[in-house]
């Protein structure tokens, strides 16, 4: 029974880390924390702290505790990035910079797709501004 619990716990730690790393990469690449919440990541911090305490001090399971500590580090990093990029997004920008230097890549990809479709239909390279 103990082996089954240890195996399930290790699987949960691996799944947790596998879910955290892509979120961190996305925030770092986009320089945006859009859609991320410090509350949600704080729940992860509390959960992983509790599990690390139980695994390290209660069961003396160093491998399981290290998985919890790795997840805890990822959650702490995510909270830092959410706060950092949220502060950067709140800084005032002038009108021209707000349109050309967007913080997320989704709008840039959308703009490029519109330009490609416009060029395909009309042969013109630039959109005419009304």
N, C-alpha and C. Protein backbone atom coordinates (compact mmCIF):
# COMPACT_ATOMS: atom_id res chain seq x y z
N UNK A 1 0.82 -1.20 0.00
CA UNK A 1 0.00 0.00 0.00
C UNK A 1 0.86 1.26 0.00
N UNK A 2 1.94 1.24 0.76
CA UNK A 2 2.82 2.40 0.83
C UNK A 2 3.46 2.68 -0.52
N UNK A 3 3.82 1.64 -1.24
CA UNK A 3 4.42 1.82 -2.56
C UNK A 3 3.42 2.44 -3.52
N UNK A 4 2.18 2.04 -3.44
CA UNK A 4 1.14 2.61 -4.29
C UNK A 4 0.95 4.10 -4.00
N UNK A 5 0.92 4.46 -2.74
CA UNK A 5 0.77 5.87 -2.35
C UNK A 5 1.97 6.68 -2.82
N UNK A 6 3.18 6.13 -2.66
CA UNK A 6 4.38 6.82 -3.10
C UNK A 6 4.39 7.01 -4.61
N UNK A 7 3.96 6.00 -5.33
CA UNK A 7 3.91 6.09 -6.79
C UNK A 7 2.91 7.14 -7.25
N UNK A 8 1.74 7.14 -6.64
CA UNK A 8 0.72 8.13 -7.00
C UNK A 8 1.18 9.54 -6.62
N UNK A 9 1.84 9.67 -5.49
CA UNK A 9 2.34 10.98 -5.07
C UNK A 9 3.40 11.49 -6.04
N UNK A 10 4.31 10.63 -6.47
CA UNK A 10 5.34 11.03 -7.42
C UNK A 10 4.72 11.40 -8.76
N UNK A 11 3.72 10.65 -9.19
CA UNK A 11 3.02 10.97 -10.43
C UNK A 11 2.34 12.33 -10.33
N UNK A 12 1.74 12.61 -9.19
CA UNK A 12 1.09 13.91 -8.99
C UNK A 12 2.12 15.05 -9.03
N UNK A 13 3.29 14.84 -8.45
CA UNK A 13 4.34 15.87 -8.47
C UNK A 13 4.82 16.11 -9.90
N UNK A 14 4.99 15.06 -10.66
CA UNK A 14 5.44 15.20 -12.06
C UNK A 14 4.38 15.92 -12.89
N UNK A 15 3.12 15.58 -12.70
CA UNK A 15 2.04 16.26 -13.43
C UNK A 15 1.97 17.72 -13.03
N UNK A 16 2.16 18.01 -11.74
CA UNK A 16 2.15 19.40 -11.28
C UNK A 16 3.27 20.21 -11.91
N UNK A 17 4.46 19.67 -11.93
CA UNK A 17 5.60 20.37 -12.54
C UNK A 17 5.37 20.53 -14.04
N UNK A 18 4.82 19.49 -14.67
CA UNK A 18 4.55 19.57 -16.11
C UNK A 18 3.48 20.62 -16.43
N UNK A 19 2.64 20.95 -15.48
CA UNK A 19 1.64 22.00 -15.69
C UNK A 19 2.17 23.39 -15.40
N UNK A 20 3.15 23.48 -14.51
CA UNK A 20 3.70 24.78 -14.12
C UNK A 20 4.68 25.32 -15.16
N UNK A 21 5.56 24.47 -15.64
CA UNK A 21 6.64 24.92 -16.54
C UNK A 21 6.10 25.59 -17.81
N UNK A 22 5.10 25.03 -18.51
CA UNK A 22 4.61 25.74 -19.70
C UNK A 22 4.01 27.11 -19.40
N UNK A 23 3.37 27.24 -18.23
CA UNK A 23 2.81 28.54 -17.86
C UNK A 23 3.93 29.56 -17.65
N UNK A 24 5.00 29.15 -17.00
CA UNK A 24 6.13 30.05 -16.78
C UNK A 24 6.78 30.45 -18.11
N UNK A 25 6.95 29.49 -18.99
CA UNK A 25 7.55 29.77 -20.30
C UNK A 25 6.68 30.74 -21.08
N UNK A 26 5.36 30.55 -21.05
CA UNK A 26 4.45 31.45 -21.76
C UNK A 26 4.54 32.87 -21.21
N UNK A 27 4.57 33.01 -19.89
CA UNK A 27 4.67 34.35 -19.30
C UNK A 27 5.99 35.02 -19.66
N UNK A 28 7.07 34.25 -19.66
CA UNK A 28 8.38 34.83 -19.97
C UNK A 28 8.48 35.22 -21.44
N UNK A 29 7.96 34.40 -22.33
CA UNK A 29 8.03 34.71 -23.77
C UNK A 29 7.15 35.91 -24.13
N UNK A 30 5.96 35.97 -23.57
CA UNK A 30 5.01 37.03 -23.92
C UNK A 30 5.23 38.30 -23.09
N UNK A 31 6.04 38.23 -22.05
CA UNK A 31 6.21 39.36 -21.13
C UNK A 31 4.84 39.85 -20.65
N UNK A 32 3.97 38.89 -20.37
CA UNK A 32 2.62 39.21 -19.94
C UNK A 32 2.14 38.14 -18.97
N UNK A 33 1.36 38.57 -18.00
CA UNK A 33 0.75 37.61 -17.08
C UNK A 33 -0.76 37.59 -17.27
N UNK A 34 -1.21 37.93 -18.46
CA UNK A 34 -2.64 37.99 -18.75
C UNK A 34 -3.29 36.64 -18.45
N UNK A 35 -4.38 36.68 -17.72
CA UNK A 35 -5.11 35.47 -17.39
C UNK A 35 -4.58 34.73 -16.17
N UNK A 36 -3.49 35.20 -15.58
CA UNK A 36 -2.91 34.54 -14.41
C UNK A 36 -3.35 35.26 -13.15
N UNK A 37 -3.53 34.49 -12.10
CA UNK A 37 -3.99 35.04 -10.83
C UNK A 37 -3.02 34.70 -9.72
N UNK A 38 -2.69 35.69 -8.91
CA UNK A 38 -1.82 35.41 -7.77
C UNK A 38 -2.53 34.52 -6.74
N UNK A 39 -3.85 34.61 -6.69
CA UNK A 39 -4.61 33.78 -5.74
C UNK A 39 -4.46 32.30 -6.10
N UNK A 40 -4.62 31.97 -7.36
CA UNK A 40 -4.48 30.58 -7.79
C UNK A 40 -3.09 30.03 -7.52
N UNK A 41 -2.07 30.81 -7.84
CA UNK A 41 -0.70 30.38 -7.59
C UNK A 41 -0.43 30.31 -6.09
N UNK A 42 -1.07 31.16 -5.30
CA UNK A 42 -0.90 31.11 -3.85
C UNK A 42 -1.48 29.82 -3.27
N UNK A 43 -2.57 29.35 -3.85
CA UNK A 43 -3.11 28.05 -3.43
C UNK A 43 -2.09 26.95 -3.71
N UNK A 44 -1.43 27.04 -4.85
CA UNK A 44 -0.37 26.07 -5.17
C UNK A 44 0.77 26.14 -4.17
N UNK A 45 1.11 27.35 -3.75
CA UNK A 45 2.18 27.53 -2.76
C UNK A 45 1.79 26.86 -1.45
N UNK A 46 0.57 27.12 -0.99
CA UNK A 46 0.12 26.53 0.28
C UNK A 46 0.06 25.00 0.20
N UNK A 47 -0.46 24.50 -0.91
CA UNK A 47 -0.58 23.05 -1.07
C UNK A 47 0.78 22.38 -1.09
N UNK A 48 1.69 22.93 -1.90
CA UNK A 48 3.01 22.30 -2.01
C UNK A 48 3.83 22.45 -0.73
N UNK A 49 3.64 23.54 0.00
CA UNK A 49 4.32 23.69 1.29
C UNK A 49 3.82 22.63 2.27
N UNK A 50 2.51 22.44 2.31
CA UNK A 50 1.93 21.43 3.20
C UNK A 50 2.40 20.03 2.83
N UNK A 51 2.37 19.71 1.55
CA UNK A 51 2.78 18.37 1.11
C UNK A 51 4.27 18.15 1.33
N UNK A 52 5.08 19.18 1.11
CA UNK A 52 6.52 19.03 1.37
C UNK A 52 6.77 18.78 2.85
N UNK A 53 6.04 19.48 3.70
CA UNK A 53 6.17 19.27 5.14
C UNK A 53 5.84 17.83 5.52
N UNK A 54 4.72 17.34 5.01
CA UNK A 54 4.30 15.98 5.33
C UNK A 54 5.28 14.96 4.77
N UNK A 55 5.67 15.14 3.51
CA UNK A 55 6.56 14.15 2.88
C UNK A 55 7.96 14.16 3.48
N UNK A 56 8.48 15.35 3.77
CA UNK A 56 9.85 15.42 4.30
C UNK A 56 9.93 15.08 5.78
N UNK A 57 9.06 15.69 6.58
CA UNK A 57 9.16 15.48 8.02
C UNK A 57 8.31 14.33 8.54
N UNK A 58 7.18 14.08 7.88
CA UNK A 58 6.30 13.00 8.34
C UNK A 58 6.72 11.64 7.85
N UNK A 59 6.93 11.52 6.52
CA UNK A 59 7.27 10.22 5.93
C UNK A 59 8.76 10.05 5.69
N UNK A 60 9.53 11.11 5.83
CA UNK A 60 10.96 11.08 5.52
C UNK A 60 11.20 10.61 4.09
N UNK A 61 10.32 11.06 3.20
CA UNK A 61 10.40 10.69 1.79
C UNK A 61 11.05 11.84 1.02
N UNK A 62 12.36 11.75 0.87
CA UNK A 62 13.13 12.82 0.25
C UNK A 62 12.75 13.03 -1.21
N UNK A 63 12.49 11.97 -1.93
CA UNK A 63 12.14 12.09 -3.36
C UNK A 63 10.79 12.79 -3.52
N UNK A 64 9.81 12.40 -2.74
CA UNK A 64 8.49 13.04 -2.82
C UNK A 64 8.56 14.49 -2.36
N UNK A 65 9.29 14.74 -1.30
CA UNK A 65 9.43 16.10 -0.81
C UNK A 65 10.15 17.00 -1.80
N UNK A 66 11.13 16.45 -2.51
CA UNK A 66 11.84 17.27 -3.50
C UNK A 66 10.93 17.62 -4.67
N UNK A 67 10.01 16.74 -5.02
CA UNK A 67 9.02 17.07 -6.06
C UNK A 67 8.11 18.21 -5.60
N UNK A 68 7.71 18.16 -4.35
CA UNK A 68 6.90 19.25 -3.80
C UNK A 68 7.67 20.55 -3.73
N UNK A 69 8.94 20.49 -3.38
CA UNK A 69 9.75 21.71 -3.33
C UNK A 69 9.97 22.29 -4.73
N UNK A 70 10.11 21.42 -5.73
CA UNK A 70 10.24 21.90 -7.11
C UNK A 70 8.95 22.59 -7.55
N UNK A 71 7.80 22.01 -7.23
CA UNK A 71 6.52 22.64 -7.55
C UNK A 71 6.34 23.95 -6.79
N UNK A 72 6.77 23.96 -5.54
CA UNK A 72 6.70 25.17 -4.73
C UNK A 72 7.54 26.29 -5.35
N UNK A 73 8.73 25.95 -5.82
CA UNK A 73 9.59 26.94 -6.47
C UNK A 73 8.92 27.47 -7.74
N UNK A 74 8.29 26.59 -8.50
CA UNK A 74 7.58 27.04 -9.71
C UNK A 74 6.43 27.97 -9.37
N UNK A 75 5.69 27.67 -8.32
CA UNK A 75 4.57 28.54 -7.92
C UNK A 75 5.07 29.89 -7.42
N UNK A 76 6.15 29.90 -6.66
CA UNK A 76 6.73 31.17 -6.19
C UNK A 76 7.21 32.01 -7.38
N UNK A 77 7.83 31.36 -8.35
CA UNK A 77 8.29 32.06 -9.56
C UNK A 77 7.10 32.63 -10.32
N UNK A 78 6.02 31.87 -10.41
CA UNK A 78 4.83 32.35 -11.12
C UNK A 78 4.23 33.57 -10.43
N UNK A 79 4.15 33.56 -9.10
CA UNK A 79 3.62 34.72 -8.38
C UNK A 79 4.50 35.95 -8.65
N UNK A 80 5.81 35.75 -8.64
CA UNK A 80 6.73 36.86 -8.93
C UNK A 80 6.48 37.40 -10.34
N UNK A 81 6.37 36.51 -11.33
CA UNK A 81 6.16 36.96 -12.71
C UNK A 81 4.81 37.65 -12.89
N UNK A 82 3.77 37.13 -12.25
CA UNK A 82 2.45 37.76 -12.36
C UNK A 82 2.51 39.17 -11.81
N UNK A 83 3.12 39.35 -10.66
CA UNK A 83 3.22 40.70 -10.07
C UNK A 83 4.11 41.61 -10.91
N UNK A 84 5.20 41.08 -11.42
CA UNK A 84 6.13 41.89 -12.21
C UNK A 84 5.48 42.35 -13.50
N UNK A 85 4.87 41.44 -14.24
CA UNK A 85 4.29 41.80 -15.53
C UNK A 85 3.00 42.59 -15.37
N UNK A 86 2.29 42.39 -14.26
CA UNK A 86 1.09 43.18 -14.03
C UNK A 86 1.47 44.64 -13.78
N UNK A 87 2.55 44.86 -13.02
CA UNK A 87 3.03 46.22 -12.79
C UNK A 87 3.49 46.86 -14.09
N UNK A 88 4.16 46.09 -14.94
CA UNK A 88 4.64 46.63 -16.22
C UNK A 88 3.47 46.98 -17.13
N UNK A 89 2.40 46.21 -17.08
CA UNK A 89 1.23 46.47 -17.92
C UNK A 89 0.46 47.70 -17.45
N UNK A 90 0.60 48.06 -16.18
CA UNK A 90 -0.14 49.20 -15.64
C UNK A 90 0.58 50.52 -15.86
N UNK A 91 1.82 50.48 -16.35
CA UNK A 91 2.54 51.72 -16.60
C UNK A 91 1.88 52.48 -17.73
N UNK A 92 1.80 53.81 -17.64
CA UNK A 92 1.15 54.58 -18.71
C UNK A 92 2.01 54.59 -19.97
N UNK A 93 1.35 54.43 -21.10
CA UNK A 93 2.02 54.48 -22.40
C UNK A 93 1.29 55.47 -23.28
N UNK A 94 2.03 56.08 -24.20
CA UNK A 94 1.36 57.01 -25.11
C UNK A 94 0.60 56.24 -26.19
N UNK A 95 -0.22 56.94 -26.97
CA UNK A 95 -1.12 56.30 -27.93
C UNK A 95 -0.41 55.49 -28.99
N UNK A 96 0.66 56.01 -29.58
CA UNK A 96 1.36 55.31 -30.66
C UNK A 96 2.00 54.02 -30.15
N UNK A 97 2.58 54.07 -28.96
CA UNK A 97 3.23 52.90 -28.40
C UNK A 97 2.21 51.83 -28.02
N UNK A 98 1.02 52.25 -27.62
CA UNK A 98 -0.01 51.30 -27.20
C UNK A 98 -0.45 50.43 -28.36
N UNK A 99 -0.39 50.95 -29.58
CA UNK A 99 -0.84 50.18 -30.74
C UNK A 99 0.28 49.33 -31.31
N UNK A 100 1.49 49.84 -31.35
CA UNK A 100 2.57 49.12 -32.02
C UNK A 100 3.32 48.15 -31.11
N UNK A 101 3.48 48.46 -29.85
CA UNK A 101 4.24 47.61 -28.94
C UNK A 101 3.31 46.91 -27.96
N UNK A 102 2.55 45.97 -28.46
CA UNK A 102 1.59 45.26 -27.62
C UNK A 102 2.32 44.26 -26.73
N UNK A 103 1.83 44.09 -25.52
CA UNK A 103 2.48 43.21 -24.55
C UNK A 103 2.24 41.73 -24.84
N UNK A 104 1.16 41.41 -25.51
CA UNK A 104 0.89 40.00 -25.80
C UNK A 104 1.09 39.73 -27.28
N UNK A 105 1.41 38.51 -27.60
CA UNK A 105 1.70 38.15 -28.98
C UNK A 105 0.43 37.86 -29.77
N UNK A 106 -0.69 37.65 -29.10
CA UNK A 106 -1.91 37.29 -29.80
C UNK A 106 -2.35 38.37 -30.77
N UNK A 107 -2.25 39.63 -30.35
CA UNK A 107 -2.68 40.71 -31.23
C UNK A 107 -1.74 40.87 -32.42
N UNK A 108 -0.48 40.64 -32.21
CA UNK A 108 0.48 40.73 -33.31
C UNK A 108 0.22 39.63 -34.33
N UNK A 109 -0.05 38.43 -33.86
CA UNK A 109 -0.36 37.32 -34.76
C UNK A 109 -1.65 37.60 -35.52
N UNK A 110 -2.65 38.14 -34.83
CA UNK A 110 -3.92 38.48 -35.47
C UNK A 110 -3.72 39.56 -36.53
N UNK A 111 -2.93 40.59 -36.21
CA UNK A 111 -2.67 41.68 -37.17
C UNK A 111 -1.96 41.12 -38.40
N UNK A 112 -0.98 40.26 -38.22
CA UNK A 112 -0.27 39.67 -39.35
C UNK A 112 -1.21 38.83 -40.22
N UNK A 113 -2.12 38.09 -39.58
CA UNK A 113 -3.07 37.28 -40.35
C UNK A 113 -4.01 38.16 -41.17
N UNK A 114 -4.44 39.27 -40.58
CA UNK A 114 -5.31 40.20 -41.33
C UNK A 114 -4.56 40.80 -42.50
N UNK A 115 -3.30 41.17 -42.32
CA UNK A 115 -2.52 41.74 -43.42
C UNK A 115 -2.29 40.72 -44.54
N UNK A 116 -2.02 39.48 -44.18
CA UNK A 116 -1.83 38.43 -45.20
C UNK A 116 -3.11 38.22 -45.99
N UNK A 117 -4.24 38.16 -45.30
CA UNK A 117 -5.52 37.97 -45.99
C UNK A 117 -5.86 39.17 -46.86
N UNK A 118 -5.58 40.37 -46.37
CA UNK A 118 -5.83 41.58 -47.16
C UNK A 118 -4.97 41.57 -48.42
N UNK A 119 -3.71 41.19 -48.30
CA UNK A 119 -2.82 41.12 -49.47
C UNK A 119 -3.31 40.05 -50.45
N UNK A 120 -3.78 38.92 -49.94
CA UNK A 120 -4.27 37.85 -50.82
C UNK A 120 -5.48 38.32 -51.61
N UNK A 121 -6.37 39.07 -50.97
CA UNK A 121 -7.60 39.52 -51.65
C UNK A 121 -7.39 40.69 -52.58
N UNK A 122 -6.54 41.65 -52.19
CA UNK A 122 -6.44 42.89 -52.96
C UNK A 122 -5.11 43.06 -53.66
N UNK A 123 -4.08 42.39 -53.23
CA UNK A 123 -2.76 42.56 -53.78
C UNK A 123 -2.00 43.71 -53.15
N UNK A 124 -2.64 44.49 -52.29
CA UNK A 124 -1.99 45.60 -51.63
C UNK A 124 -1.25 45.11 -50.38
N UNK A 125 -0.11 45.71 -50.12
CA UNK A 125 0.69 45.32 -48.96
C UNK A 125 0.22 45.93 -47.66
N UNK A 126 -0.30 47.13 -47.68
CA UNK A 126 -0.71 47.85 -46.48
C UNK A 126 -2.22 48.05 -46.45
N UNK A 127 -2.76 48.13 -45.27
CA UNK A 127 -4.18 48.46 -45.11
C UNK A 127 -4.35 49.96 -45.23
N UNK A 128 -5.43 50.38 -45.86
CA UNK A 128 -5.73 51.80 -45.94
C UNK A 128 -6.46 52.21 -44.68
N UNK A 129 -5.97 53.25 -44.02
CA UNK A 129 -6.61 53.72 -42.81
C UNK A 129 -7.73 54.68 -43.17
N UNK A 130 -8.88 54.49 -42.62
CA UNK A 130 -10.03 55.34 -42.94
C UNK A 130 -10.02 56.62 -42.18
